[in-house]
Every structure is written in C-alpha cells, then in structure tokens.
Amino acid sequence: MGVLKNPRWERFAHEIASGKHATNGQAYLAAGFHIRPDLAKQNAQKLLRRPEVNARIDELRDLATHVERRAADVAGERLGEDWAIKKEWVTDRLKEIVERSMKEGEFNGNVAPSTRSPARRRGRTRRCSI
C-alpha cells in the first residue's frame, strides 16, 4: 500500500502500530491532531474506520514483525549454537532451583498461586458487622 497521503494519518498509523499508547485517543493526539482530549477518542475511532488507515496499520505491524524475526535470526547466527538456549538447559536449571528450594525448606510442591487474601493466608480474617 505504501505511505498515506495525509501526513497526520500516516503518523497516527505509526502511533497505533507501535502499541505504545494506552488508548487510541492518545495515539491520535500524539499524531499531531489538535483537539480536546475528550474528543480525541471519537475522532480516532472515525479514522480507524477508514480502510486505507487500517491497511497501513496492518502493513506497519507486519513490517515490524518481519524486522523483529530477522533481528532474532541474525543474533542467533552471530552467537552461534554455543549460546543458544536449549530446552534441556532450561529444564536442568529449573530442576536445580526446585531441588535447592526443597533442601532449604522453601518449596512445598504447590505451584498454583493461592487465591486467598494475604490476611487469610496468615490466619486472620476480617469480620464485618452489619
């Protein structure tokens, strides 16, 4: 598709594709649109409904994914197999950690997180009077 003709639309597409904004309205403002912040979200949604803007966002995300994969491939090639993290290595380290924790009495075999509140785990409960 290529670059959008409107520079602010292009910047908006980059801001959305980057994923660094919590809301579309923030991306809209970061793209250089001057509008009240409470209206930015609505205008961002309108812009996102434009097919050319959506296509450009998809294109930018695909490009970023390709670049990240290529960078990982190049890093792997440069480091070589000696530095590659292998499943066996991770498994061995995990076993060592569990064994050490069991020896030190810190591991009880329960790997699921507790759903009880910290106060209830300590044996204290909160009583409410209605």
C-alpha atoms as a PDB file:
ATOM      1  CA  MET A   1       0.000   0.000   0.000  1.00  0.00           C
ATOM      2  CA  GLY A   2       2.704   2.475   0.942  1.00  0.00           C
ATOM      3  CA  VAL A   3       2.703   5.738   2.823  1.00  0.00           C
ATOM      4  CA  LEU A   4      -0.616   7.505   3.362  1.00  0.00           C
ATOM      5  CA  LYS A   5      -1.045  10.843   1.586  1.00  0.00           C
ATOM      6  CA  ASN A   6      -2.100  12.675   4.734  1.00  0.00           C
ATOM      7  CA  PRO A   7       0.977  13.002   6.988  1.00  0.00           C
ATOM      8  CA  ARG A   8      -1.063  13.047  10.197  1.00  0.00           C
ATOM      9  CA  TRP A   9      -2.908   9.888   9.155  1.00  0.00           C
ATOM     10  CA  GLU A  10       0.461   8.288   8.480  1.00  0.00           C
ATOM     11  CA  ARG A  11       1.744   9.373  11.895  1.00  0.00           C
ATOM     12  CA  PHE A  12      -1.446   8.078  13.521  1.00  0.00           C
ATOM     13  CA  ALA A  13      -0.949   4.709  11.812  1.00  0.00           C
ATOM     14  CA  HIS A  14       2.616   4.584  13.170  1.00  0.00           C
ATOM     15  CA  GLU A  15       1.440   5.512  16.663  1.00  0.00           C
ATOM     16  CA  ILE A  16      -1.244   2.806  16.661  1.00  0.00           C
ATOM     17  CA  ALA A  17       1.057   0.170  15.150  1.00  0.00           C
ATOM     18  CA  SER A  18       3.729   0.881  17.749  1.00  0.00           C
ATOM     19  CA  GLY A  19       1.342  -0.055  20.556  1.00  0.00           C
ATOM     20  CA  LYS A  20       2.924   2.446  22.932  1.00  0.00           C
ATOM     21  CA  HIS A  21      -0.303   4.297  23.733  1.00  0.00           C
ATOM     22  CA  ALA A  22      -2.896   3.089  26.208  1.00  0.00           C
ATOM     23  CA  THR A  23      -5.773   4.480  24.162  1.00  0.00           C
ATOM     24  CA  ASN A  24      -6.463   5.325  20.547  1.00  0.00           C
ATOM     25  CA  GLY A  25      -7.185   8.874  21.671  1.00  0.00           C
ATOM     26  CA  GLN A  26      -3.641   9.229  22.987  1.00  0.00           C
ATOM     27  CA  ALA A  27      -2.278   7.976  19.669  1.00  0.00           C
ATOM     28  CA  TYR A  28      -4.497  10.493  17.878  1.00  0.00           C
ATOM     29  CA  LEU A  29      -3.100  13.372  19.917  1.00  0.00           C
ATOM     30  CA  ALA A  30       0.482  12.103  19.534  1.00  0.00           C
ATOM     31  CA  ALA A  31      -0.018  12.116  15.767  1.00  0.00           C
ATOM     32  CA  GLY A  32      -0.319  15.888  15.869  1.00  0.00           C
ATOM     33  CA  PHE A  33      -4.063  16.398  15.833  1.00  0.00           C
ATOM     34  CA  HIS A  34      -5.048  19.425  17.907  1.00  0.00           C
ATOM     35  CA  ILE A  35      -8.329  18.678  19.599  1.00  0.00           C
ATOM     36  CA  ARG A  36      -9.718  18.452  23.102  1.00  0.00           C
ATOM     37  CA  PRO A  37      -8.597  15.190  24.707  1.00  0.00           C
ATOM     38  CA  ASP A  38     -12.177  14.140  25.441  1.00  0.00           C
ATOM     39  CA  LEU A  39     -12.965  14.227  21.700  1.00  0.00           C
ATOM     40  CA  ALA A  40      -9.746  12.540  20.581  1.00  0.00           C
ATOM     41  CA  LYS A  41     -11.065   9.017  21.177  1.00  0.00           C
ATOM     42  CA  GLN A  42     -14.124   9.613  18.971  1.00  0.00           C
ATOM     43  CA  ASN A  43     -12.040  11.064  16.165  1.00  0.00           C
ATOM     44  CA  ALA A  44      -9.524   8.239  16.466  1.00  0.00           C
ATOM     45  CA  GLN A  45     -12.342   5.717  16.041  1.00  0.00           C
ATOM     46  CA  LYS A  46     -13.532   7.538  12.923  1.00  0.00           C
ATOM     47  CA  LEU A  47     -10.037   7.436  11.490  1.00  0.00           C
ATOM     48  CA  LEU A  48      -9.689   3.746  12.318  1.00  0.00           C
ATOM     49  CA  ARG A  49     -12.817   3.010  10.294  1.00  0.00           C
ATOM     50  CA  ARG A  50     -11.060   4.228   7.142  1.00  0.00           C
ATOM     51  CA  PRO A  51      -9.899   1.175   5.138  1.00  0.00           C
ATOM     52  CA  GLU A  52      -6.671   2.824   3.969  1.00  0.00           C
ATOM     53  CA  VAL A  53      -5.656   3.653   7.539  1.00  0.00           C
ATOM     54  CA  ASN A  54      -6.384   0.122   8.737  1.00  0.00           C
ATOM     55  CA  ALA A  55      -4.455  -1.350   5.827  1.00  0.00           C
ATOM     56  CA  ARG A  56      -1.474   0.861   6.633  1.00  0.00           C
ATOM     57  CA  ILE A  57      -1.557  -0.156  10.322  1.00  0.00           C
ATOM     58  CA  ASP A  58      -1.568  -3.826   9.296  1.00  0.00           C
ATOM     59  CA  GLU A  59       1.302  -3.181   6.901  1.00  0.00           C
ATOM     60  CA  LEU A  60       3.366  -1.457   9.615  1.00  0.00           C
ATOM     61  CA  ARG A  61       2.708  -4.262  12.107  1.00  0.00           C
ATOM     62  CA  ASP A  62       3.710  -6.882   9.534  1.00  0.00           C
ATOM     63  CA  LEU A  63       6.887  -4.951   8.790  1.00  0.00           C
ATOM     64  CA  ALA A  64       7.735  -4.699  12.498  1.00  0.00           C
ATOM     65  CA  THR A  65       7.168  -8.441  12.939  1.00  0.00           C
ATOM     66  CA  HIS A  66       9.404  -9.197   9.963  1.00  0.00           C
ATOM     67  CA  VAL A  67      12.176  -6.921  11.279  1.00  0.00           C
ATOM     68  CA  GLU A  68      11.996  -8.488  14.761  1.00  0.00           C
ATOM     69  CA  ARG A  69      12.185 -12.010  13.346  1.00  0.00           C
ATOM     70  CA  ARG A  70      15.098 -11.109  11.110  1.00  0.00           C
ATOM     71  CA  ALA A  71      16.926  -9.464  14.010  1.00  0.00           C
ATOM     72  CA  ALA A  72      16.455 -12.603  16.112  1.00  0.00           C
ATOM     73  CA  ASP A  73      17.749 -14.748  13.237  1.00  0.00           C
ATOM     74  CA  VAL A  74      20.824 -12.553  12.780  1.00  0.00           C
ATOM     75  CA  ALA A  75      21.523 -12.538  16.523  1.00  0.00           C
ATOM     76  CA  GLY A  76      21.234 -16.322  16.593  1.00  0.00           C
ATOM     77  CA  GLU A  77      23.618 -16.652  13.664  1.00  0.00           C
ATOM     78  CA  ARG A  78      26.168 -14.330  15.258  1.00  0.00           C
ATOM     79  CA  LEU A  79      26.032 -16.010  18.632  1.00  0.00           C
ATOM     80  CA  GLY A  80      26.137 -19.479  17.176  1.00  0.00           C
ATOM     81  CA  GLU A  81      24.839 -22.671  18.686  1.00  0.00           C
ATOM     82  CA  ASP A  82      27.104 -22.394  21.733  1.00  0.00           C
ATOM     83  CA  TRP A  83      24.974 -19.558  23.076  1.00  0.00           C
ATOM     84  CA  ALA A  84      21.570 -20.854  22.066  1.00  0.00           C
ATOM     85  CA  ILE A  85      19.259 -21.567  24.975  1.00  0.00           C
ATOM     86  CA  LYS A  86      18.138 -25.131  24.693  1.00  0.00           C
ATOM     87  CA  LYS A  87      15.181 -26.846  26.286  1.00  0.00           C
ATOM     88  CA  GLU A  88      17.476 -29.223  28.165  1.00  0.00           C
ATOM     89  CA  TRP A  89      19.420 -26.328  29.690  1.00  0.00           C
ATOM     90  CA  VAL A  90      16.243 -24.629  30.916  1.00  0.00           C
ATOM     91  CA  THR A  91      14.897 -27.904  32.318  1.00  0.00           C
ATOM     92  CA  ASP A  92      18.179 -28.617  34.117  1.00  0.00           C
ATOM     93  CA  ARG A  93      18.261 -25.141  35.685  1.00  0.00           C
ATOM     94  CA  LEU A  94      14.627 -25.475  36.792  1.00  0.00           C
ATOM     95  CA  LYS A  95      15.357 -28.820  38.444  1.00  0.00           C
ATOM     96  CA  GLU A  96      18.338 -27.295  40.257  1.00  0.00           C
ATOM     97  CA  ILE A  97      16.180 -24.433  41.565  1.00  0.00           C
ATOM     98  CA  VAL A  98      13.453 -26.797  42.785  1.00  0.00           C
ATOM     99  CA  GLU A  99      15.962 -29.124  44.459  1.00  0.00           C
ATOM    100  CA  ARG A 100      17.719 -26.222  46.178  1.00  0.00           C
ATOM    101  CA  SER A 101      14.392 -24.820  47.369  1.00  0.00           C
ATOM    102  CA  MET A 102      13.333 -28.208  48.729  1.00  0.00           C
ATOM    103  CA  LYS A 103      16.615 -28.514  50.648  1.00  0.00           C
ATOM    104  CA  GLU A 104      16.140 -25.044  52.115  1.00  0.00           C
ATOM    105  CA  GLY A 105      12.519 -25.818  53.036  1.00  0.00           C
ATOM    106  CA  GLU A 106      11.049 -23.142  50.772  1.00  0.00           C
ATOM    107  CA  PHE A 107       9.281 -25.468  48.361  1.00  0.00           C
ATOM    108  CA  ASN A 108       6.191 -27.444  49.305  1.00  0.00           C
ATOM    109  CA  GLY A 109       5.247 -28.809  45.881  1.00  0.00           C
ATOM    110  CA  ASN A 110       2.330 -26.415  45.427  1.00  0.00           C
ATOM    111  CA  VAL A 111       2.888 -24.494  42.191  1.00  0.00           C
ATOM    112  CA  ALA A 112      -0.571 -22.943  41.964  1.00  0.00           C
ATOM    113  CA  PRO A 113      -0.848 -19.428  43.385  1.00  0.00           C
ATOM    114  CA  SER A 114      -3.007 -19.008  46.431  1.00  0.00           C
ATOM    115  CA  THR A 115      -6.433 -17.491  45.837  1.00  0.00           C
ATOM    116  CA  ARG A 116      -6.774 -16.441  49.453  1.00  0.00           C
ATOM    117  CA  SER A 117      -6.048 -12.920  50.547  1.00  0.00           C
ATOM    118  CA  PRO A 118      -2.735 -12.272  52.384  1.00  0.00           C
ATOM    119  CA  ALA A 119      -4.633 -11.702  55.632  1.00  0.00           C
ATOM    120  CA  ARG A 120      -6.434 -15.036  55.347  1.00  0.00           C
ATOM    121  CA  ARG A 121      -3.173 -16.810  54.486  1.00  0.00           C
ATOM    122  CA  ARG A 122      -1.797 -15.566  57.806  1.00  0.00           C
ATOM    123  CA  GLY A 123      -4.838 -16.958  59.589  1.00  0.00           C
ATOM    124  CA  ARG A 124      -6.536 -13.632  60.156  1.00  0.00           C
ATOM    125  CA  THR A 125      -9.981 -12.951  58.840  1.00  0.00           C
ATOM    126  CA  ARG A 126     -11.861  -9.715  58.716  1.00  0.00           C
ATOM    127  CA  ARG A 127     -15.195  -9.593  60.487  1.00  0.00           C
ATOM    128  CA  CYS A 128     -17.825  -7.228  59.287  1.00  0.00           C
ATOM    129  CA  SER A 129     -20.694  -6.045  61.381  1.00  0.00           C
ATOM    130  CA  ILE A 130     -23.823  -5.154  59.529  1.00  0.00           C
END
